[in-house]
Amino acid sequence: MKFTANRDVAIGVENRGKARKFYEETLGLRVMETGSGLAVYDGGHLTLYILEGKHHPPVISFTVEDMGVAKRRLLEGGCDVVDEWEGSIYFRDPSGVVFDAIQPLGVSGFSVSGSRT
């Protein structure tokens, strides 16, 4: 099974209002979607997800075909699960870097392009 990098990058912020002001007014990014604790921006070559909650640095995302197989492979490869929810898992690689793996097709809340909806 292959992990394929996609265009999604997630950032955790403690104050979404403050973050939205920066990304919309200072950087001029176009809002694609907003929801409870979430703002999604068209960043040109990437889609930027601003998630309100605990602060965390940018997380790069990979698309996988089978989340169960992906999770098993990650754990066997020495990764730790940081967080997970339907169709997505944050994992820490053996060097301490956090990534996201998503399974877009047939999973509620995800689009065919591999982006969260």
N, C-alpha and C. Protein backbone atom coordinates (compact mmCIF):
# COMPACT_ATOMS: atom_id res chain seq x y z
N MET A 1 0.84 -1.18 0.00
CA MET A 1 0.00 0.00 0.00
C MET A 1 0.88 1.24 0.00
N LYS A 2 0.43 2.27 -0.71
CA LYS A 2 1.20 3.48 -0.90
C LYS A 2 0.58 4.66 -0.14
N PHE A 3 1.44 5.49 0.44
CA PHE A 3 1.05 6.76 1.03
C PHE A 3 1.39 7.82 0.00
N THR A 4 0.39 8.62 -0.42
CA THR A 4 0.59 9.64 -1.44
C THR A 4 0.35 11.02 -0.84
N ALA A 5 1.36 11.88 -0.91
CA ALA A 5 1.19 13.24 -0.39
C ALA A 5 0.07 13.94 -1.16
N ASN A 6 -0.74 14.70 -0.43
CA ASN A 6 -1.80 15.48 -1.08
C ASN A 6 -1.55 16.96 -0.81
N ARG A 7 -2.50 17.80 -1.11
CA ARG A 7 -2.34 19.25 -0.99
C ARG A 7 -2.81 19.81 0.35
N ASP A 8 -3.13 18.97 1.30
CA ASP A 8 -3.72 19.41 2.56
C ASP A 8 -2.66 19.64 3.63
N VAL A 9 -2.76 20.79 4.30
CA VAL A 9 -1.90 21.11 5.45
C VAL A 9 -2.81 21.63 6.55
N ALA A 10 -2.68 21.08 7.76
CA ALA A 10 -3.51 21.49 8.89
C ALA A 10 -2.65 22.20 9.93
N ILE A 11 -3.23 23.24 10.53
CA ILE A 11 -2.57 23.98 11.60
C ILE A 11 -3.57 24.09 12.75
N GLY A 12 -3.12 23.78 13.95
CA GLY A 12 -3.96 23.93 15.13
C GLY A 12 -3.71 25.28 15.78
N VAL A 13 -4.78 26.00 16.08
CA VAL A 13 -4.68 27.32 16.72
C VAL A 13 -5.59 27.37 17.94
N GLU A 14 -5.21 28.20 18.89
CA GLU A 14 -6.04 28.35 20.10
C GLU A 14 -7.14 29.37 19.89
N ASN A 15 -6.94 30.34 18.99
CA ASN A 15 -7.92 31.39 18.76
C ASN A 15 -8.21 31.47 17.26
N ARG A 16 -9.29 30.81 16.83
CA ARG A 16 -9.60 30.76 15.40
C ARG A 16 -9.93 32.13 14.84
N GLY A 17 -10.60 32.99 15.62
CA GLY A 17 -10.93 34.34 15.15
C GLY A 17 -9.69 35.14 14.81
N LYS A 18 -8.71 35.08 15.68
CA LYS A 18 -7.45 35.78 15.45
C LYS A 18 -6.73 35.19 14.23
N ALA A 19 -6.74 33.87 14.12
CA ALA A 19 -6.10 33.21 12.98
C ALA A 19 -6.80 33.57 11.68
N ARG A 20 -8.14 33.56 11.69
CA ARG A 20 -8.90 33.90 10.48
C ARG A 20 -8.58 35.30 10.02
N LYS A 21 -8.50 36.24 10.95
CA LYS A 21 -8.18 37.62 10.60
C LYS A 21 -6.83 37.66 9.88
N PHE A 22 -5.84 36.95 10.39
CA PHE A 22 -4.52 36.93 9.77
C PHE A 22 -4.56 36.32 8.37
N TYR A 23 -5.14 35.12 8.25
CA TYR A 23 -5.12 34.43 6.97
C TYR A 23 -5.98 35.11 5.91
N GLU A 24 -7.09 35.72 6.33
CA GLU A 24 -7.98 36.39 5.38
C GLU A 24 -7.52 37.82 5.06
N GLU A 25 -7.21 38.59 6.10
CA GLU A 25 -6.89 40.00 5.88
C GLU A 25 -5.42 40.25 5.55
N THR A 26 -4.53 39.61 6.28
CA THR A 26 -3.10 39.85 6.04
C THR A 26 -2.59 39.09 4.83
N LEU A 27 -2.90 37.79 4.75
CA LEU A 27 -2.43 36.98 3.62
C LEU A 27 -3.37 37.03 2.43
N GLY A 28 -4.62 37.39 2.65
CA GLY A 28 -5.58 37.48 1.56
C GLY A 28 -6.03 36.15 1.00
N LEU A 29 -6.00 35.10 1.82
CA LEU A 29 -6.43 33.78 1.34
C LEU A 29 -7.95 33.72 1.23
N ARG A 30 -8.41 33.00 0.21
CA ARG A 30 -9.84 32.83 -0.03
C ARG A 30 -10.39 31.72 0.85
N VAL A 31 -11.49 32.04 1.57
CA VAL A 31 -12.16 31.06 2.42
C VAL A 31 -12.92 30.09 1.54
N MET A 32 -12.69 28.80 1.74
CA MET A 32 -13.41 27.77 1.00
C MET A 32 -14.57 27.23 1.82
N GLU A 33 -14.37 27.20 3.14
CA GLU A 33 -15.38 26.60 4.02
C GLU A 33 -15.10 27.03 5.45
N THR A 34 -16.16 27.17 6.23
CA THR A 34 -16.01 27.38 7.66
C THR A 34 -17.01 26.49 8.37
N GLY A 35 -16.70 26.14 9.57
CA GLY A 35 -17.59 25.30 10.36
C GLY A 35 -17.21 25.45 11.81
N SER A 36 -17.78 24.64 12.63
CA SER A 36 -17.50 24.68 14.05
C SER A 36 -16.04 24.31 14.30
N GLY A 37 -15.24 25.29 14.68
CA GLY A 37 -13.83 25.04 14.97
C GLY A 37 -12.96 24.83 13.76
N LEU A 38 -13.44 25.16 12.57
CA LEU A 38 -12.69 24.88 11.34
C LEU A 38 -12.82 26.03 10.36
N ALA A 39 -11.72 26.34 9.69
CA ALA A 39 -11.73 27.25 8.55
C ALA A 39 -10.80 26.65 7.51
N VAL A 40 -11.26 26.60 6.25
CA VAL A 40 -10.49 26.00 5.17
C VAL A 40 -10.20 27.08 4.14
N TYR A 41 -8.93 27.17 3.72
CA TYR A 41 -8.50 28.22 2.80
C TYR A 41 -7.86 27.64 1.55
N ASP A 42 -8.10 28.34 0.44
CA ASP A 42 -7.40 28.05 -0.81
C ASP A 42 -6.07 28.77 -0.75
N GLY A 43 -5.00 28.01 -0.59
CA GLY A 43 -3.67 28.58 -0.50
C GLY A 43 -2.91 28.52 -1.80
N GLY A 44 -3.61 28.34 -2.90
CA GLY A 44 -2.93 28.23 -4.19
C GLY A 44 -2.55 26.79 -4.46
N HIS A 45 -1.33 26.43 -4.10
CA HIS A 45 -0.85 25.07 -4.33
C HIS A 45 -1.17 24.12 -3.18
N LEU A 46 -1.85 24.64 -2.16
CA LEU A 46 -2.24 23.77 -1.05
C LEU A 46 -3.57 24.24 -0.47
N THR A 47 -4.21 23.35 0.24
CA THR A 47 -5.42 23.68 0.98
C THR A 47 -5.02 23.74 2.45
N LEU A 48 -5.31 24.87 3.09
CA LEU A 48 -4.91 25.10 4.47
C LEU A 48 -6.12 24.94 5.39
N TYR A 49 -6.00 24.06 6.38
CA TYR A 49 -7.04 23.80 7.36
C TYR A 49 -6.61 24.43 8.68
N ILE A 50 -7.41 25.34 9.19
CA ILE A 50 -7.17 25.95 10.49
C ILE A 50 -8.14 25.31 11.47
N LEU A 51 -7.59 24.59 12.43
CA LEU A 51 -8.40 23.84 13.40
C LEU A 51 -8.26 24.49 14.77
N GLU A 52 -9.40 24.91 15.33
CA GLU A 52 -9.36 25.53 16.65
C GLU A 52 -9.25 24.46 17.73
N GLY A 53 -8.40 24.71 18.69
CA GLY A 53 -8.17 23.77 19.77
C GLY A 53 -6.75 23.93 20.26
N LYS A 54 -6.08 22.84 20.42
CA LYS A 54 -4.70 22.86 20.86
C LYS A 54 -3.79 23.33 19.73
N HIS A 55 -2.88 24.23 20.04
CA HIS A 55 -1.92 24.72 19.06
C HIS A 55 -1.01 23.58 18.59
N HIS A 56 -0.81 23.48 17.28
CA HIS A 56 0.20 22.56 16.75
C HIS A 56 0.73 23.12 15.44
N PRO A 57 1.99 22.81 15.13
CA PRO A 57 2.58 23.30 13.89
C PRO A 57 1.93 22.65 12.67
N PRO A 58 2.26 23.12 11.47
CA PRO A 58 1.67 22.54 10.25
C PRO A 58 1.85 21.02 10.18
N VAL A 59 0.78 20.36 9.76
CA VAL A 59 0.78 18.91 9.60
C VAL A 59 0.51 18.61 8.13
N ILE A 60 1.44 17.92 7.49
CA ILE A 60 1.31 17.54 6.09
C ILE A 60 0.49 16.26 6.01
N SER A 61 -0.30 16.13 4.95
CA SER A 61 -1.24 15.03 4.83
C SER A 61 -0.89 14.07 3.69
N PHE A 62 -1.17 12.80 3.93
CA PHE A 62 -1.02 11.75 2.93
C PHE A 62 -2.37 11.07 2.73
N THR A 63 -2.66 10.70 1.51
CA THR A 63 -3.86 9.94 1.18
C THR A 63 -3.50 8.46 1.14
N VAL A 64 -4.36 7.63 1.72
CA VAL A 64 -4.17 6.18 1.73
C VAL A 64 -5.43 5.51 1.20
N GLU A 65 -5.27 4.30 0.69
CA GLU A 65 -6.40 3.55 0.14
C GLU A 65 -7.17 2.80 1.22
N ASP A 66 -6.50 2.38 2.28
CA ASP A 66 -7.12 1.57 3.31
C ASP A 66 -6.57 2.00 4.67
N MET A 67 -7.39 2.68 5.46
CA MET A 67 -6.93 3.22 6.74
C MET A 67 -6.48 2.13 7.69
N GLY A 68 -7.17 1.00 7.71
CA GLY A 68 -6.78 -0.09 8.60
C GLY A 68 -5.39 -0.61 8.28
N VAL A 69 -5.12 -0.83 7.01
CA VAL A 69 -3.80 -1.29 6.58
C VAL A 69 -2.76 -0.22 6.87
N ALA A 70 -3.09 1.04 6.60
CA ALA A 70 -2.16 2.15 6.83
C ALA A 70 -1.79 2.23 8.31
N LYS A 71 -2.78 2.17 9.19
CA LYS A 71 -2.52 2.26 10.63
C LYS A 71 -1.64 1.12 11.09
N ARG A 72 -1.94 -0.08 10.65
CA ARG A 72 -1.14 -1.25 11.02
C ARG A 72 0.31 -1.07 10.56
N ARG A 73 0.47 -0.60 9.34
CA ARG A 73 1.81 -0.40 8.77
C ARG A 73 2.58 0.68 9.55
N LEU A 74 1.89 1.75 9.91
CA LEU A 74 2.53 2.83 10.66
C LEU A 74 2.99 2.33 12.04
N LEU A 75 2.13 1.61 12.73
CA LEU A 75 2.49 1.10 14.05
C LEU A 75 3.65 0.12 13.96
N GLU A 76 3.63 -0.75 12.96
CA GLU A 76 4.72 -1.70 12.76
C GLU A 76 6.02 -0.98 12.40
N GLY A 77 5.91 0.20 11.79
CA GLY A 77 7.08 0.98 11.39
C GLY A 77 7.61 1.87 12.50
N GLY A 78 7.06 1.77 13.69
CA GLY A 78 7.57 2.52 14.82
C GLY A 78 6.90 3.86 15.05
N CYS A 79 5.77 4.09 14.42
CA CYS A 79 5.04 5.35 14.61
C CYS A 79 4.11 5.25 15.82
N ASP A 80 3.77 6.42 16.36
CA ASP A 80 2.79 6.52 17.44
C ASP A 80 1.56 7.23 16.90
N VAL A 81 0.38 6.79 17.31
CA VAL A 81 -0.86 7.48 16.95
C VAL A 81 -1.01 8.67 17.88
N VAL A 82 -1.18 9.86 17.30
CA VAL A 82 -1.36 11.09 18.07
C VAL A 82 -2.84 11.37 18.28
N ASP A 83 -3.63 11.20 17.22
CA ASP A 83 -5.07 11.44 17.27
C ASP A 83 -5.70 10.73 16.07
N GLU A 84 -6.95 10.35 16.20
CA GLU A 84 -7.63 9.76 15.04
C GLU A 84 -9.12 9.98 15.14
N TRP A 85 -9.76 10.04 14.00
CA TRP A 85 -11.20 10.15 13.87
C TRP A 85 -11.55 9.53 12.55
N GLU A 86 -12.82 9.44 12.24
CA GLU A 86 -13.26 8.74 11.04
C GLU A 86 -12.54 9.24 9.80
N GLY A 87 -11.81 8.36 9.14
CA GLY A 87 -11.14 8.68 7.89
C GLY A 87 -9.83 9.41 8.02
N SER A 88 -9.33 9.63 9.23
CA SER A 88 -8.09 10.38 9.40
C SER A 88 -7.34 9.92 10.64
N ILE A 89 -6.02 9.96 10.55
CA ILE A 89 -5.19 9.61 11.70
C ILE A 89 -3.95 10.50 11.68
N TYR A 90 -3.67 11.14 12.81
CA TYR A 90 -2.42 11.87 12.99
C TYR A 90 -1.44 10.87 13.60
N PHE A 91 -0.25 10.79 13.03
CA PHE A 91 0.76 9.88 13.55
C PHE A 91 2.10 10.59 13.67
N ARG A 92 2.90 10.15 14.63
CA ARG A 92 4.24 10.69 14.85
C ARG A 92 5.22 9.65 14.34
N ASP A 93 6.09 10.07 13.39
CA ASP A 93 7.06 9.13 12.84
C ASP A 93 8.19 8.90 13.86
N PRO A 94 9.08 7.94 13.60
CA PRO A 94 10.15 7.65 14.57
C PRO A 94 11.07 8.83 14.86
N SER A 95 11.08 9.86 14.01
CA SER A 95 11.89 11.06 14.24
C SER A 95 11.13 12.13 15.00
N GLY A 96 9.85 11.89 15.29
CA GLY A 96 9.06 12.84 16.06
C GLY A 96 8.21 13.80 15.23
N VAL A 97 8.22 13.65 13.90
CA VAL A 97 7.44 14.52 13.03
C VAL A 97 6.01 13.99 12.92
N VAL A 98 5.02 14.90 13.05
CA VAL A 98 3.61 14.50 12.98
C VAL A 98 3.09 14.70 11.57
N PHE A 99 2.42 13.69 11.05
CA PHE A 99 1.78 13.70 9.74
C PHE A 99 0.33 13.28 9.89
N ASP A 100 -0.45 13.44 8.82
CA ASP A 100 -1.84 13.03 8.77
C ASP A 100 -2.00 12.03 7.63
N ALA A 101 -2.77 10.99 7.85
CA ALA A 101 -3.14 10.07 6.77
C ALA A 101 -4.66 10.10 6.68
N ILE A 102 -5.17 10.23 5.46
CA ILE A 102 -6.62 10.25 5.25
C ILE A 102 -7.01 9.21 4.21
N GLN A 103 -8.21 8.68 4.38
CA GLN A 103 -8.80 7.77 3.40
C GLN A 103 -10.04 8.47 2.86
N PRO A 104 -9.95 9.08 1.68
CA PRO A 104 -11.04 9.93 1.20
C PRO A 104 -12.25 9.23 0.61
N LEU A 105 -12.09 8.15 -0.12
CA LEU A 105 -13.21 7.56 -0.85
C LEU A 105 -14.09 6.73 0.06
N GLY A 106 -15.39 7.04 0.00
CA GLY A 106 -16.36 6.26 0.75
C GLY A 106 -16.38 6.55 2.24
N VAL A 107 -15.71 7.61 2.66
CA VAL A 107 -15.69 7.96 4.08
C VAL A 107 -16.40 9.29 4.24
N SER A 108 -17.41 9.32 5.06
CA SER A 108 -18.17 10.53 5.30
C SER A 108 -17.28 11.67 5.76
N GLY A 109 -17.48 12.84 5.19
CA GLY A 109 -16.71 14.01 5.58
C GLY A 109 -15.51 14.26 4.72
N PHE A 110 -15.30 13.45 3.69
CA PHE A 110 -14.18 13.64 2.81
C PHE A 110 -14.64 13.67 1.36
N SER A 111 -13.92 14.44 0.55
CA SER A 111 -14.26 14.53 -0.86
C SER A 111 -13.43 13.55 -1.67
N VAL A 112 -13.80 13.36 -2.91
CA VAL A 112 -13.08 12.46 -3.80
C VAL A 112 -11.66 12.94 -4.05
N SER A 113 -11.42 14.26 -3.99
CA SER A 113 -10.09 14.82 -4.25
C SER A 113 -9.10 14.48 -3.14
N GLY A 114 -9.58 14.00 -2.01
CA GLY A 114 -8.69 13.68 -0.91
C GLY A 114 -8.68 14.77 0.15
N SER A 115 -9.49 15.80 -0.03
CA SER A 115 -9.55 16.88 0.93
C SER A 115 -10.72 16.68 1.87
N ARG A 116 -10.59 17.20 3.08
CA ARG A 116 -11.71 17.16 4.01
C ARG A 116 -12.79 18.09 3.46
N THR A 117 -14.02 17.70 3.67
CA THR A 117 -15.13 18.57 3.24
C THR A 117 -15.87 19.09 4.42
